[in-house]
Amino acid sequence: MVHVQVTRSPLGDLLVGVPAGYEPLNLLLQLELQGDPEFLDRLIRVAGDPEVNTYGIGGDVCWVSIAGSQVTVDTDDGARAVTLDRAEFRDALVQFQQLLAAPPPEPPRTRPRWQPPS
């Protein structure tokens, strides 16, 4: 099972970490889905629907193909691809969606200027 780590930096930027070899998934999350919540919703819905046995959809950077219990994420240029279990793909999308919906953390506070004791 691939471990997808999705966190926010202290400044609120989303950071996606995937193991080596899973870069197409990283591109899908950051470049396709982060700015398109409808696309993200559609993929979560389709990946979780047992009635859908085959499905394919493309965006600006990646192509997603669902076939049975497997999901393949290809880069549009065909240079890289990764295949994941359908449930783990959906779990990664849901985790990503939850982080997108969460408010960003407070920005780091600056240290107060030093003042001598009164």
Foldseek 3Di string as FASTA:
>chain_A
DWDWDWDADLVGHIDIDTDPQAVLLVCCLPPPCLVPVVVLVVLLVLLPDQVDQWDWDDDDFWIWIHHHQKIKIATPVRPGIDIDGSVVSSVVSVVSVVSSPDDGDDHDDDDDDDDDDD
